[in-house]
C-alpha cells in the first residue's frame, strides 16, 4: 500500500500532473474527435488518431474498445518510449445499420499508472447509396506494374440523381466512371480505378471522394487499399563489414533480385574505400561482390550503396554498409616476450 502511494506521488512529480487525474494521458493526443461525414452503405473508411509519449517513462496501452460495432479500433504499437509516436486507427464500417452514428473509443492505459482517454467518432451511413465492394482493393502489386480495381455504386431514390465528380489527392490514381443503369427507382455506376505504374513501393491507404448532386450531403468517401511490392530487393538490406584494421580489406557480396531478368548497369557509393564488380548478363538474381578497404582513419563507417538496373526507366535499389575501422595492428604486438632461463 505504501509502495503504491509512493509510486503515484513519484509519477505525479515526473509527469507534472495529479496522479489520480487523466490529464497526462489526454495531453498525448493531438485531437480527441473525428467526423467521417457521410458514408455509403457497405463502405469502409478509417482515421488515425496520433499520440506522442511526452514523458520520460514508458507508456503502455492495456486495451482499446468501442461503444458501437460500427467502429473498430486498433493500435499500431502498445508501448511508447519517451517521445515515440503511435496511432489509434479507427475503422468506420458502413455495413452497420444506416443512420447517424456517435461512437466512443476508449483507450485504457496501465503504465506508468492507470488512466483512460475517450475519443469521439461520428458519421452518417446513407441507406440510399450502396458501394460494393466497400473498398477499392488492389492487393499486392509489383512495382512498375499498372493495376485495375472496380466497384459498383448503386442509388435508390431520385430518378435524376448523379455523381458529378470523383476527387483524389493521389496523382497515381486514374478514375473512370460509367453509368450502367437508370430507371425510375435506381441508378447504378461502375467506377474503374487504375493504379499507375509510377506509384512508389509501399502500402496504399488512401481515399477517393464521390461528389454527388445531393447538396449538403454530396461528398461520399471510398477507401483505397493495397501494397506496391518493390521490383528490386537487396539482401542483406544492411551490410555489416565487421571490425577492420586500417589498410586491411574485407570482401562481402550482395544478393539482388528482380521480377524478371535484368542487368546491373552501375553501382555507386560516395566513399572510395568501396569497390564493386558488376555481374555480366541479364538474370533475375545477381551476386554482387563488394570489397571494402579500410582507410587510415579509425572510426565508424556508414555508407549507402546504390544499385542501378535496366528495369523500366532505370529502377534502382540501395543498402547501407557499416564497418568499424580500428588502428592497424603492429607486427608482434600482443605477444609475450621470450622467457629467460
C-alpha atoms as a PDB file:
ATOM      1  CA  UNK A   1       0.000   0.000   0.000  1.00  0.00           C
ATOM      2  CA  UNK A   2       2.783   2.418   0.970  1.00  0.00           C
ATOM      3  CA  UNK A   3       4.678   1.461  -2.201  1.00  0.00           C
ATOM      4  CA  UNK A   4       1.678   2.261  -4.413  1.00  0.00           C
ATOM      5  CA  UNK A   5       1.191   5.624  -2.765  1.00  0.00           C
ATOM      6  CA  UNK A   6       4.885   6.436  -3.161  1.00  0.00           C
ATOM      7  CA  UNK A   7       4.786   5.318  -6.800  1.00  0.00           C
ATOM      8  CA  UNK A   8       1.787   7.536  -7.527  1.00  0.00           C
ATOM      9  CA  UNK A   9       3.465  10.549  -5.937  1.00  0.00           C
ATOM     10  CA  UNK A  10       6.677   9.987  -7.930  1.00  0.00           C
ATOM     11  CA  UNK A  11       4.744   9.640 -11.187  1.00  0.00           C
ATOM     12  CA  UNK A  12       2.806  12.782 -10.415  1.00  0.00           C
ATOM     13  CA  UNK A  13       6.020  14.723  -9.855  1.00  0.00           C
ATOM     14  CA  UNK A  14       7.681  13.416 -13.032  1.00  0.00           C
ATOM     15  CA  UNK A  15       4.615  13.830 -15.253  1.00  0.00           C
ATOM     16  CA  UNK A  16       3.683  17.131 -13.710  1.00  0.00           C
ATOM     17  CA  UNK A  17       0.022  16.228 -13.050  1.00  0.00           C
ATOM     18  CA  UNK A  18      -2.136  14.799 -10.322  1.00  0.00           C
ATOM     19  CA  UNK A  19      -1.555  11.014 -10.246  1.00  0.00           C
ATOM     20  CA  UNK A  20      -5.298  10.489  -9.834  1.00  0.00           C
ATOM     21  CA  UNK A  21      -6.181  12.581 -12.900  1.00  0.00           C
ATOM     22  CA  UNK A  22      -6.420  11.782 -16.599  1.00  0.00           C
ATOM     23  CA  UNK A  23      -4.729  14.891 -17.985  1.00  0.00           C
ATOM     24  CA  UNK A  24      -1.333  13.275 -18.540  1.00  0.00           C
ATOM     25  CA  UNK A  25      -2.881  10.725 -20.920  1.00  0.00           C
ATOM     26  CA  UNK A  26      -5.199  13.163 -22.687  1.00  0.00           C
ATOM     27  CA  UNK A  27      -2.325  15.570 -23.356  1.00  0.00           C
ATOM     28  CA  UNK A  28      -0.575  12.968 -25.521  1.00  0.00           C
ATOM     29  CA  UNK A  29      -3.304  13.186 -28.208  1.00  0.00           C
ATOM     30  CA  UNK A  30      -3.307  15.934 -30.835  1.00  0.00           C
ATOM     31  CA  UNK A  31      -7.098  15.608 -31.255  1.00  0.00           C
ATOM     32  CA  UNK A  32      -9.917  13.828 -29.462  1.00  0.00           C
ATOM     33  CA  UNK A  33     -12.681  13.572 -32.081  1.00  0.00           C
ATOM     34  CA  UNK A  34     -13.306  12.968 -35.777  1.00  0.00           C
ATOM     35  CA  UNK A  35     -16.326  13.282 -38.051  1.00  0.00           C
ATOM     36  CA  UNK A  36     -16.346  10.868 -41.009  1.00  0.00           C
ATOM     37  CA  UNK A  37     -19.224  12.762 -42.569  1.00  0.00           C
ATOM     38  CA  UNK A  38     -21.441  10.803 -44.953  1.00  0.00           C
ATOM     39  CA  UNK A  39     -20.506   7.182 -45.647  1.00  0.00           C
ATOM     40  CA  UNK A  40     -22.148   4.951 -48.253  1.00  0.00           C
ATOM     41  CA  UNK A  41     -23.854   1.736 -47.188  1.00  0.00           C
ATOM     42  CA  UNK A  42     -21.242  -1.012 -47.364  1.00  0.00           C
ATOM     43  CA  UNK A  43     -18.402   1.494 -47.484  1.00  0.00           C
ATOM     44  CA  UNK A  44     -15.415   1.343 -45.173  1.00  0.00           C
ATOM     45  CA  UNK A  45     -13.266   4.305 -44.131  1.00  0.00           C
ATOM     46  CA  UNK A  46     -10.688   4.817 -41.415  1.00  0.00           C
ATOM     47  CA  UNK A  47      -8.953   7.565 -39.491  1.00  0.00           C
ATOM     48  CA  UNK A  48      -5.801   7.572 -37.343  1.00  0.00           C
ATOM     49  CA  UNK A  49      -5.518   9.461 -34.056  1.00  0.00           C
ATOM     50  CA  UNK A  50      -1.885  10.243 -33.294  1.00  0.00           C
ATOM     51  CA  UNK A  51      -0.425  10.228 -29.798  1.00  0.00           C
ATOM     52  CA  UNK A  52       3.060  11.106 -28.560  1.00  0.00           C
ATOM     53  CA  UNK A  53       4.658   9.993 -25.293  1.00  0.00           C
ATOM     54  CA  UNK A  54       5.610  13.349 -23.761  1.00  0.00           C
ATOM     55  CA  UNK A  55       7.167  11.809 -20.641  1.00  0.00           C
ATOM     56  CA  UNK A  56      10.313  10.047 -19.511  1.00  0.00           C
ATOM     57  CA  UNK A  57       8.549   6.814 -18.510  1.00  0.00           C
ATOM     58  CA  UNK A  58       7.329   4.185 -20.967  1.00  0.00           C
ATOM     59  CA  UNK A  59       3.604   4.436 -21.675  1.00  0.00           C
ATOM     60  CA  UNK A  60       1.657   1.203 -22.167  1.00  0.00           C
ATOM     61  CA  UNK A  61      -1.799   0.808 -23.707  1.00  0.00           C
ATOM     62  CA  UNK A  62      -3.564  -2.083 -21.995  1.00  0.00           C
ATOM     63  CA  UNK A  63      -6.651  -2.166 -24.233  1.00  0.00           C
ATOM     64  CA  UNK A  64      -8.813  -0.239 -26.665  1.00  0.00           C
ATOM     65  CA  UNK A  65     -12.552  -0.663 -27.168  1.00  0.00           C
ATOM     66  CA  UNK A  66     -15.518   0.833 -28.989  1.00  0.00           C
ATOM     67  CA  UNK A  67     -19.031   1.541 -27.729  1.00  0.00           C
ATOM     68  CA  UNK A  68     -20.506   0.536 -31.108  1.00  0.00           C
ATOM     69  CA  UNK A  69     -19.838  -2.191 -33.645  1.00  0.00           C
ATOM     70  CA  UNK A  70     -19.761   0.420 -36.419  1.00  0.00           C
ATOM     71  CA  UNK A  71     -16.218   1.417 -35.363  1.00  0.00           C
ATOM     72  CA  UNK A  72     -13.308  -0.987 -34.895  1.00  0.00           C
ATOM     73  CA  UNK A  73     -10.216   0.488 -33.170  1.00  0.00           C
ATOM     74  CA  UNK A  74      -6.660  -0.882 -33.243  1.00  0.00           C
ATOM     75  CA  UNK A  75      -3.291   0.467 -32.079  1.00  0.00           C
ATOM     76  CA  UNK A  76      -0.127   0.487 -34.161  1.00  0.00           C
ATOM     77  CA  UNK A  77       2.016  -0.069 -31.040  1.00  0.00           C
ATOM     78  CA  UNK A  78       1.010  -0.634 -27.437  1.00  0.00           C
ATOM     79  CA  UNK A  79       4.237   0.573 -25.787  1.00  0.00           C
ATOM     80  CA  UNK A  80       5.708   4.011 -26.407  1.00  0.00           C
ATOM     81  CA  UNK A  81       9.071   5.137 -25.121  1.00  0.00           C
ATOM     82  CA  UNK A  82       9.815   8.782 -24.421  1.00  0.00           C
ATOM     83  CA  UNK A  83       8.846  10.950 -27.439  1.00  0.00           C
ATOM     84  CA  UNK A  84       7.821   7.959 -29.525  1.00  0.00           C
ATOM     85  CA  UNK A  85       4.660   8.297 -31.604  1.00  0.00           C
ATOM     86  CA  UNK A  86       1.835   5.826 -32.096  1.00  0.00           C
ATOM     87  CA  UNK A  87      -1.606   5.735 -33.660  1.00  0.00           C
ATOM     88  CA  UNK A  88      -5.082   4.601 -32.711  1.00  0.00           C
ATOM     89  CA  UNK A  89      -6.607   3.548 -36.043  1.00  0.00           C
ATOM     90  CA  UNK A  90     -10.420   3.684 -36.149  1.00  0.00           C
ATOM     91  CA  UNK A  91     -12.182   1.847 -38.956  1.00  0.00           C
ATOM     92  CA  UNK A  92     -15.746   3.050 -39.593  1.00  0.00           C
ATOM     93  CA  UNK A  93     -17.887   0.282 -41.044  1.00  0.00           C
ATOM     94  CA  UNK A  94     -20.693   1.248 -43.421  1.00  0.00           C
ATOM     95  CA  UNK A  95     -22.146  -2.270 -43.244  1.00  0.00           C
ATOM     96  CA  UNK A  96     -23.792  -1.293 -39.949  1.00  0.00           C
ATOM     97  CA  UNK A  97     -27.394  -0.133 -39.798  1.00  0.00           C
ATOM     98  CA  UNK A  98     -27.922   3.166 -41.662  1.00  0.00           C
ATOM     99  CA  UNK A  99     -28.299   6.424 -39.822  1.00  0.00           C
ATOM    100  CA  UNK A 100     -26.398   8.821 -37.591  1.00  0.00           C
ATOM    101  CA  UNK A 101     -23.632   7.196 -35.506  1.00  0.00           C
ATOM    102  CA  UNK A 102     -21.984   8.663 -32.419  1.00  0.00           C
ATOM    103  CA  UNK A 103     -19.359   6.325 -31.005  1.00  0.00           C
ATOM    104  CA  UNK A 104     -16.839   6.498 -28.186  1.00  0.00           C
ATOM    105  CA  UNK A 105     -13.414   4.867 -28.460  1.00  0.00           C
ATOM    106  CA  UNK A 106     -11.861   4.210 -25.041  1.00  0.00           C
ATOM    107  CA  UNK A 107      -8.093   3.765 -24.672  1.00  0.00           C
ATOM    108  CA  UNK A 108      -7.029   2.203 -21.380  1.00  0.00           C
ATOM    109  CA  UNK A 109      -3.504   2.864 -20.061  1.00  0.00           C
ATOM    110  CA  UNK A 110      -1.929   0.832 -17.254  1.00  0.00           C
ATOM    111  CA  UNK A 111       1.552   2.378 -17.216  1.00  0.00           C
ATOM    112  CA  UNK A 112       3.084   4.476 -15.802  1.00  0.00           C
ATOM    113  CA  UNK A 113      -0.220   4.460 -13.903  1.00  0.00           C
ATOM    114  CA  UNK A 114      -3.908   3.841 -14.776  1.00  0.00           C
ATOM    115  CA  UNK A 115      -5.809   6.275 -16.984  1.00  0.00           C
ATOM    116  CA  UNK A 116      -8.430   6.320 -19.729  1.00  0.00           C
ATOM    117  CA  UNK A 117      -8.848   8.552 -22.783  1.00  0.00           C
ATOM    118  CA  UNK A 118     -12.077   8.738 -24.761  1.00  0.00           C
ATOM    119  CA  UNK A 119     -12.165   9.646 -28.447  1.00  0.00           C
ATOM    120  CA  UNK A 120     -15.362  10.717 -30.180  1.00  0.00           C
ATOM    121  CA  UNK A 121     -16.315   9.241 -33.556  1.00  0.00           C
ATOM    122  CA  UNK A 122     -19.211  10.494 -35.650  1.00  0.00           C
ATOM    123  CA  UNK A 123     -20.584   9.554 -39.056  1.00  0.00           C
ATOM    124  CA  UNK A 124     -23.759   9.135 -41.046  1.00  0.00           C
ATOM    125  CA  UNK A 125     -24.357   5.917 -43.015  1.00  0.00           C
ATOM    126  CA  UNK A 126     -26.613   6.509 -46.001  1.00  0.00           C
ATOM    127  CA  UNK A 127     -29.254   3.916 -46.763  1.00  0.00           C
ATOM    128  CA  UNK A 128     -29.826   5.083 -50.352  1.00  0.00           C
ATOM    129  CA  UNK A 129     -26.223   4.757 -51.602  1.00  0.00           C
ATOM    130  CA  UNK A 130     -24.509   1.362 -51.615  1.00  0.00           C
ATOM    131  CA  UNK A 131     -20.859   0.684 -52.596  1.00  0.00           C
ATOM    132  CA  UNK A 132     -19.900  -2.907 -53.495  1.00  0.00           C
ATOM    133  CA  UNK A 133     -17.254  -3.850 -52.565  1.00  0.00           C
ATOM    134  CA  UNK A 134     -16.860  -1.235 -49.840  1.00  0.00           C
ATOM    135  CA  UNK A 135     -13.147  -0.652 -50.543  1.00  0.00           C
ATOM    136  CA  UNK A 136     -11.113  -0.199 -53.724  1.00  0.00           C
ATOM    137  CA  UNK A 137      -8.738  -3.082 -53.074  1.00  0.00           C
ATOM    138  CA  UNK A 138      -5.573  -3.608 -55.139  1.00  0.00           C
ATOM    139  CA  UNK A 139      -3.926  -6.303 -53.021  1.00  0.00           C
ATOM    140  CA  UNK A 140      -0.184  -6.813 -53.654  1.00  0.00           C
ATOM    141  CA  UNK A 141       1.189  -5.404 -56.901  1.00  0.00           C
ATOM    142  CA  UNK A 142       4.763  -5.450 -58.242  1.00  0.00           C
ATOM    143  CA  UNK A 143       6.367  -2.022 -58.536  1.00  0.00           C
ATOM    144  CA  UNK A 144       6.176  -0.577 -62.041  1.00  0.00           C
ATOM    145  CA  UNK A 145       3.034  -2.546 -62.977  1.00  0.00           C
ATOM    146  CA  UNK A 146      -0.334  -0.924 -63.677  1.00  0.00           C
ATOM    147  CA  UNK A 147      -3.312  -2.379 -61.780  1.00  0.00           C
ATOM    148  CA  UNK A 148      -7.096  -2.084 -62.025  1.00  0.00           C
ATOM    149  CA  UNK A 149      -9.808  -2.353 -59.374  1.00  0.00           C
ATOM    150  CA  UNK A 150     -13.547  -1.713 -59.798  1.00  0.00           C
ATOM    151  CA  UNK A 151     -16.531  -1.009 -57.555  1.00  0.00           C
ATOM    152  CA  UNK A 152     -20.251  -0.660 -58.210  1.00  0.00           C
ATOM    153  CA  UNK A 153     -22.217   2.275 -56.800  1.00  0.00           C
ATOM    154  CA  UNK A 154     -25.994   1.911 -56.508  1.00  0.00           C
ATOM    155  CA  UNK A 155     -28.517   4.595 -55.602  1.00  0.00           C
ATOM    156  CA  UNK A 156     -32.214   4.231 -54.747  1.00  0.00           C
ATOM    157  CA  UNK A 157     -34.239   7.458 -54.790  1.00  0.00           C
ATOM    158  CA  UNK A 158     -34.381  10.348 -57.222  1.00  0.00           C
ATOM    159  CA  UNK A 159     -34.528   9.393 -60.852  1.00  0.00           C
ATOM    160  CA  UNK A 160     -32.222  12.280 -61.834  1.00  0.00           C
ATOM    161  CA  UNK A 161     -29.553  11.566 -59.157  1.00  0.00           C
ATOM    162  CA  UNK A 162     -25.997  11.864 -60.460  1.00  0.00           C
ATOM    163  CA  UNK A 163     -22.343  11.564 -59.481  1.00  0.00           C
ATOM    164  CA  UNK A 164     -20.789  14.741 -60.832  1.00  0.00           C
ATOM    165  CA  UNK A 165     -17.115  14.202 -59.917  1.00  0.00           C
ATOM    166  CA  UNK A 166     -14.563  11.848 -58.329  1.00  0.00           C
ATOM    167  CA  UNK A 167     -11.747  13.547 -56.435  1.00  0.00           C
ATOM    168  CA  UNK A 168      -8.404  12.361 -55.103  1.00  0.00           C
ATOM    169  CA  UNK A 169      -5.202  13.989 -53.922  1.00  0.00           C
ATOM    170  CA  UNK A 170      -3.168  10.999 -55.152  1.00  0.00           C
ATOM    171  CA  UNK A 171      -1.729  11.675 -58.614  1.00  0.00           C
ATOM    172  CA  UNK A 172      -1.045   7.967 -59.104  1.00  0.00           C
ATOM    173  CA  UNK A 173      -4.771   7.167 -59.413  1.00  0.00           C
ATOM    174  CA  UNK A 174      -6.747   7.360 -62.638  1.00  0.00           C
ATOM    175  CA  UNK A 175     -10.528   7.007 -62.413  1.00  0.00           C
ATOM    176  CA  UNK A 176     -13.205   6.208 -64.995  1.00  0.00           C
ATOM    177  CA  UNK A 177     -16.878   6.444 -64.007  1.00  0.00           C
ATOM    178  CA  UNK A 178     -19.589   4.857 -66.175  1.00  0.00           C
ATOM    179  CA  UNK A 179     -23.338   4.930 -65.677  1.00  0.00           C
ATOM    180  CA  UNK A 180     -24.547   1.335 -66.097  1.00  0.00           C
ATOM    181  CA  UNK A 181     -28.279   1.620 -65.335  1.00  0.00           C
ATOM    182  CA  UNK A 182     -31.001   4.207 -64.696  1.00  0.00           C
ATOM    183  CA  UNK A 183     -34.727   3.811 -64.177  1.00  0.00           C
ATOM    184  CA  UNK A 184     -37.458   5.341 -62.030  1.00  0.00           C
ATOM    185  CA  UNK A 185     -36.177   3.742 -58.818  1.00  0.00           C
ATOM    186  CA  UNK A 186     -32.489   3.011 -59.177  1.00  0.00           C
ATOM    187  CA  UNK A 187     -29.279   4.441 -60.612  1.00  0.00           C
ATOM    188  CA  UNK A 188     -26.074   2.433 -60.988  1.00  0.00           C
ATOM    189  CA  UNK A 189     -22.491   3.387 -61.757  1.00  0.00           C
ATOM    190  CA  UNK A 190     -19.350   1.327 -62.272  1.00  0.00           C
ATOM    191  CA  UNK A 191     -16.133   3.006 -61.160  1.00  0.00           C
ATOM    192  CA  UNK A 192     -12.829   1.723 -62.552  1.00  0.00           C
ATOM    193  CA  UNK A 193      -9.704   2.821 -60.673  1.00  0.00           C
ATOM    194  CA  UNK A 194      -6.270   2.381 -62.208  1.00  0.00           C
ATOM    195  CA  UNK A 195      -3.113   2.438 -60.137  1.00  0.00           C
ATOM    196  CA  UNK A 196      -0.444   3.925 -62.384  1.00  0.00           C
ATOM    197  CA  UNK A 197       2.963   2.346 -62.992  1.00  0.00           C
ATOM    198  CA  UNK A 198       4.550   5.393 -61.353  1.00  0.00           C
ATOM    199  CA  UNK A 199       3.227   4.569 -57.858  1.00  0.00           C
ATOM    200  CA  UNK A 200       6.176   4.132 -55.458  1.00  0.00           C
ATOM    201  CA  UNK A 201       6.685   0.976 -53.433  1.00  0.00           C
ATOM    202  CA  UNK A 202       4.906   0.814 -50.091  1.00  0.00           C
ATOM    203  CA  UNK A 203       1.452   0.490 -48.567  1.00  0.00           C
ATOM    204  CA  UNK A 204      -1.553   2.266 -50.083  1.00  0.00           C
ATOM    205  CA  UNK A 205      -4.014   3.699 -47.581  1.00  0.00           C
ATOM    206  CA  UNK A 206      -5.787   6.474 -49.402  1.00  0.00           C
ATOM    207  CA  UNK A 207      -9.216   7.777 -50.293  1.00  0.00           C
ATOM    208  CA  UNK A 208     -11.401   8.758 -53.235  1.00  0.00           C
ATOM    209  CA  UNK A 209     -14.316  11.142 -52.790  1.00  0.00           C
ATOM    210  CA  UNK A 210     -17.501  10.798 -54.812  1.00  0.00           C
ATOM    211  CA  UNK A 211     -19.198  14.163 -55.363  1.00  0.00           C
ATOM    212  CA  UNK A 212     -22.958  13.901 -55.982  1.00  0.00           C
ATOM    213  CA  UNK A 213     -25.681  16.457 -56.674  1.00  0.00           C
ATOM    214  CA  UNK A 214     -27.158  15.975 -53.183  1.00  0.00           C
ATOM    215  CA  UNK A 215     -26.255  19.426 -51.887  1.00  0.00           C
ATOM    216  CA  UNK A 216     -25.029  19.320 -48.270  1.00  0.00           C
ATOM    217  CA  UNK A 217     -24.507  15.511 -48.304  1.00  0.00           C
ATOM    218  CA  UNK A 218     -22.706  15.499 -51.639  1.00  0.00           C
ATOM    219  CA  UNK A 219     -19.313  14.071 -50.550  1.00  0.00           C
ATOM    220  CA  UNK A 220     -19.024  10.276 -50.119  1.00  0.00           C
ATOM    221  CA  UNK A 221     -15.558   8.853 -49.256  1.00  0.00           C
ATOM    222  CA  UNK A 222     -14.317   5.480 -50.530  1.00  0.00           C
ATOM    223  CA  UNK A 223     -11.102   3.950 -49.159  1.00  0.00           C
ATOM    224  CA  UNK A 224      -8.321   2.676 -51.427  1.00  0.00           C
ATOM    225  CA  UNK A 225      -6.014  -0.030 -50.093  1.00  0.00           C
ATOM    226  CA  UNK A 226      -3.150  -2.156 -51.363  1.00  0.00           C
ATOM    227  CA  UNK A 227       0.599  -2.665 -51.360  1.00  0.00           C
ATOM    228  CA  UNK A 228       3.145  -1.999 -54.062  1.00  0.00           C
ATOM    229  CA  UNK A 229       5.939  -4.542 -53.729  1.00  0.00           C
ATOM    230  CA  UNK A 230       9.449  -3.307 -54.655  1.00  0.00           C
ATOM    231  CA  UNK A 231      10.591  -4.591 -58.055  1.00  0.00           C
ATOM    232  CA  UNK A 232      14.138  -4.923 -56.721  1.00  0.00           C
ATOM    233  CA  UNK A 233      15.264  -6.336 -53.409  1.00  0.00           C
ATOM    234  CA  UNK A 234      18.760  -6.305 -51.942  1.00  0.00           C
ATOM    235  CA  UNK A 235      19.829  -8.801 -49.315  1.00  0.00           C
ATOM    236  CA  UNK A 236      21.054  -8.037 -46.766  1.00  0.00           C
ATOM    237  CA  UNK A 237      19.433  -4.597 -46.579  1.00  0.00           C
ATOM    238  CA  UNK A 238      22.103  -3.682 -44.026  1.00  0.00           C
ATOM    239  CA  UNK A 239      25.590  -4.989 -44.866  1.00  0.00           C
ATOM    240  CA  UNK A 240      27.802  -5.339 -41.781  1.00  0.00           C
ATOM    241  CA  UNK A 241      31.507  -5.494 -42.689  1.00  0.00           C
ATOM    242  CA  UNK A 242      32.740  -6.002 -39.138  1.00  0.00           C
ATOM    243  CA  UNK A 243      35.770  -4.556 -37.341  1.00  0.00           C
ATOM    244  CA  UNK A 244      38.505  -3.893 -39.921  1.00  0.00           C
ATOM    245  CA  UNK A 245      42.094  -2.815 -39.144  1.00  0.00           C
ATOM    246  CA  UNK A 246      43.252   0.282 -41.053  1.00  0.00           C
ATOM    247  CA  UNK A 247      44.567  -0.613 -44.506  1.00  0.00           C
ATOM    248  CA  UNK A 248      43.021  -4.080 -44.490  1.00  0.00           C
ATOM    249  CA  UNK A 249      40.413  -5.419 -46.913  1.00  0.00           C
ATOM    250  CA  UNK A 250      37.207  -7.334 -46.371  1.00  0.00           C
ATOM    251  CA  UNK A 251      35.039  -8.877 -49.101  1.00  0.00           C
ATOM    252  CA  UNK A 252      31.293  -9.486 -48.984  1.00  0.00           C
ATOM    253  CA  UNK A 253      28.533  -9.949 -51.500  1.00  0.00           C
ATOM    254  CA  UNK A 254      25.008  -8.686 -52.006  1.00  0.00           C
ATOM    255  CA  UNK A 255      22.123 -10.641 -53.500  1.00  0.00           C
ATOM    256  CA  UNK A 256      19.986  -8.538 -55.859  1.00  0.00           C
ATOM    257  CA  UNK A 257      16.633  -9.965 -57.018  1.00  0.00           C
ATOM    258  CA  UNK A 258      14.169  -8.699 -59.612  1.00  0.00           C
ATOM    259  CA  UNK A 259      10.768  -9.716 -61.048  1.00  0.00           C
ATOM    260  CA  UNK A 260      12.302 -10.621 -64.439  1.00  0.00           C
ATOM    261  CA  UNK A 261      15.787 -10.917 -65.985  1.00  0.00           C
ATOM    262  CA  UNK A 262      17.685  -7.635 -65.662  1.00  0.00           C
ATOM    263  CA  UNK A 263      21.178  -6.171 -65.850  1.00  0.00           C
ATOM    264  CA  UNK A 264      23.048  -4.220 -63.198  1.00  0.00           C
ATOM    265  CA  UNK A 265      24.362  -1.216 -65.110  1.00  0.00           C
ATOM    266  CA  UNK A 266      26.092   0.687 -62.296  1.00  0.00           C
ATOM    267  CA  UNK A 267      26.921   0.553 -58.588  1.00  0.00           C
ATOM    268  CA  UNK A 268      27.892   3.733 -56.763  1.00  0.00           C
ATOM    269  CA  UNK A 269      28.986   4.860 -53.312  1.00  0.00           C
ATOM    270  CA  UNK A 270      30.348   8.254 -52.228  1.00  0.00           C
ATOM    271  CA  UNK A 271      33.287   6.569 -50.466  1.00  0.00           C
ATOM    272  CA  UNK A 272      36.329   5.489 -52.480  1.00  0.00           C
ATOM    273  CA  UNK A 273      37.035   2.738 -49.939  1.00  0.00           C
ATOM    274  CA  UNK A 274      34.344   0.621 -51.653  1.00  0.00           C
ATOM    275  CA  UNK A 275      34.876  -1.263 -54.912  1.00  0.00           C
ATOM    276  CA  UNK A 276      32.306  -3.217 -56.911  1.00  0.00           C
ATOM    277  CA  UNK A 277      32.299  -5.661 -59.808  1.00  0.00           C
ATOM    278  CA  UNK A 278      29.061  -5.552 -61.813  1.00  0.00           C
ATOM    279  CA  UNK A 279      27.948  -9.051 -62.865  1.00  0.00           C
ATOM    280  CA  UNK A 280      27.514  -9.567 -66.607  1.00  0.00           C
ATOM    281  CA  UNK A 281      24.371 -10.678 -68.370  1.00  0.00           C
ATOM    282  CA  UNK A 282      20.667 -10.483 -67.537  1.00  0.00           C
ATOM    283  CA  UNK A 283      19.161 -12.689 -64.861  1.00  0.00           C
ATOM    284  CA  UNK A 284      16.554 -12.486 -62.101  1.00  0.00           C
ATOM    285  CA  UNK A 285      19.181 -12.950 -59.366  1.00  0.00           C
ATOM    286  CA  UNK A 286      22.644 -11.384 -59.193  1.00  0.00           C
ATOM    287  CA  UNK A 287      25.510 -11.889 -56.738  1.00  0.00           C
ATOM    288  CA  UNK A 288      27.257  -8.519 -56.397  1.00  0.00           C
ATOM    289  CA  UNK A 289      30.819  -8.569 -54.918  1.00  0.00           C
ATOM    290  CA  UNK A 290      31.663  -5.737 -52.507  1.00  0.00           C
ATOM    291  CA  UNK A 291      35.277  -5.025 -51.455  1.00  0.00           C
ATOM    292  CA  UNK A 292      35.961  -2.581 -48.618  1.00  0.00           C
ATOM    293  CA  UNK A 293      39.465  -1.263 -47.931  1.00  0.00           C
ATOM    294  CA  UNK A 294      39.698   0.421 -44.545  1.00  0.00           C
ATOM    295  CA  UNK A 295      41.237   3.895 -44.542  1.00  0.00           C
ATOM    296  CA  UNK A 296      43.933   5.033 -42.136  1.00  0.00           C
ATOM    297  CA  UNK A 297      41.393   6.950 -40.042  1.00  0.00           C
ATOM    298  CA  UNK A 298      39.804   4.869 -37.251  1.00  0.00           C
ATOM    299  CA  UNK A 299      36.099   5.246 -36.602  1.00  0.00           C
ATOM    300  CA  UNK A 300      32.683   4.067 -37.730  1.00  0.00           C
ATOM    301  CA  UNK A 301      31.771   3.935 -41.417  1.00  0.00           C
ATOM    302  CA  UNK A 302      28.118   4.178 -42.540  1.00  0.00           C
ATOM    303  CA  UNK A 303      27.613   4.447 -46.299  1.00  0.00           C
ATOM    304  CA  UNK A 304      24.790   3.912 -48.783  1.00  0.00           C
ATOM    305  CA  UNK A 305      25.356   1.677 -51.809  1.00  0.00           C
ATOM    306  CA  UNK A 306      23.148   2.488 -54.830  1.00  0.00           C
ATOM    307  CA  UNK A 307      22.469  -0.201 -57.424  1.00  0.00           C
ATOM    308  CA  UNK A 308      21.186   0.925 -60.841  1.00  0.00           C
ATOM    309  CA  UNK A 309      19.495  -1.523 -63.248  1.00  0.00           C
ATOM    310  CA  UNK A 310      17.946  -1.542 -66.725  1.00  0.00           C
ATOM    311  CA  UNK A 311      14.438  -2.352 -65.432  1.00  0.00           C
ATOM    312  CA  UNK A 312      11.885   0.134 -66.757  1.00  0.00           C
ATOM    313  CA  UNK A 313      13.265   3.661 -66.659  1.00  0.00           C
ATOM    314  CA  UNK A 314      16.231   2.519 -64.601  1.00  0.00           C
ATOM    315  CA  UNK A 315      14.863   1.062 -61.389  1.00  0.00           C
ATOM    316  CA  UNK A 316      17.331   1.202 -58.527  1.00  0.00           C
ATOM    317  CA  UNK A 317      17.782  -0.242 -55.062  1.00  0.00           C
ATOM    318  CA  UNK A 318      20.076   0.513 -52.157  1.00  0.00           C
ATOM    319  CA  UNK A 319      21.544  -0.880 -48.977  1.00  0.00           C
ATOM    320  CA  UNK A 320      23.501   0.564 -46.073  1.00  0.00           C
ATOM    321  CA  UNK A 321      27.035  -0.721 -45.400  1.00  0.00           C
ATOM    322  CA  UNK A 322      28.575  -0.307 -41.945  1.00  0.00           C
ATOM    323  CA  UNK A 323      32.057  -1.007 -40.602  1.00  0.00           C
ATOM    324  CA  UNK A 324      34.279  -0.065 -37.697  1.00  0.00           C
ATOM    325  CA  UNK A 325      37.845   0.859 -38.626  1.00  0.00           C
ATOM    326  CA  UNK A 326      40.474   0.350 -35.908  1.00  0.00           C
ATOM    327  CA  UNK A 327      44.178   1.185 -35.771  1.00  0.00           C
ATOM    328  CA  UNK A 328      46.431  -1.184 -37.682  1.00  0.00           C
ATOM    329  CA  UNK A 329      47.953  -3.870 -35.512  1.00  0.00           C
ATOM    330  CA  UNK A 330      51.736  -3.785 -35.446  1.00  0.00           C
ATOM    331  CA  UNK A 331      53.739  -6.911 -36.128  1.00  0.00           C
ATOM    332  CA  UNK A 332      54.434  -8.823 -32.935  1.00  0.00           C
ATOM    333  CA  UNK A 333      52.065  -6.732 -30.825  1.00  0.00           C
ATOM    334  CA  UNK A 334      50.210  -8.644 -28.188  1.00  0.00           C
ATOM    335  CA  UNK A 335      52.850 -11.423 -27.993  1.00  0.00           C
ATOM    336  CA  UNK A 336      54.674 -12.255 -24.800  1.00  0.00           C
ATOM    337  CA  UNK A 337      58.458 -11.771 -24.642  1.00  0.00           C
ATOM    338  CA  UNK A 338      60.862 -14.745 -24.698  1.00  0.00           C
ATOM    339  CA  UNK A 339      61.209 -16.404 -21.342  1.00  0.00           C
ATOM    340  CA  UNK A 340      64.606 -16.181 -19.680  1.00  0.00           C
ATOM    341  CA  UNK A 341      66.141 -19.219 -18.079  1.00  0.00           C
END
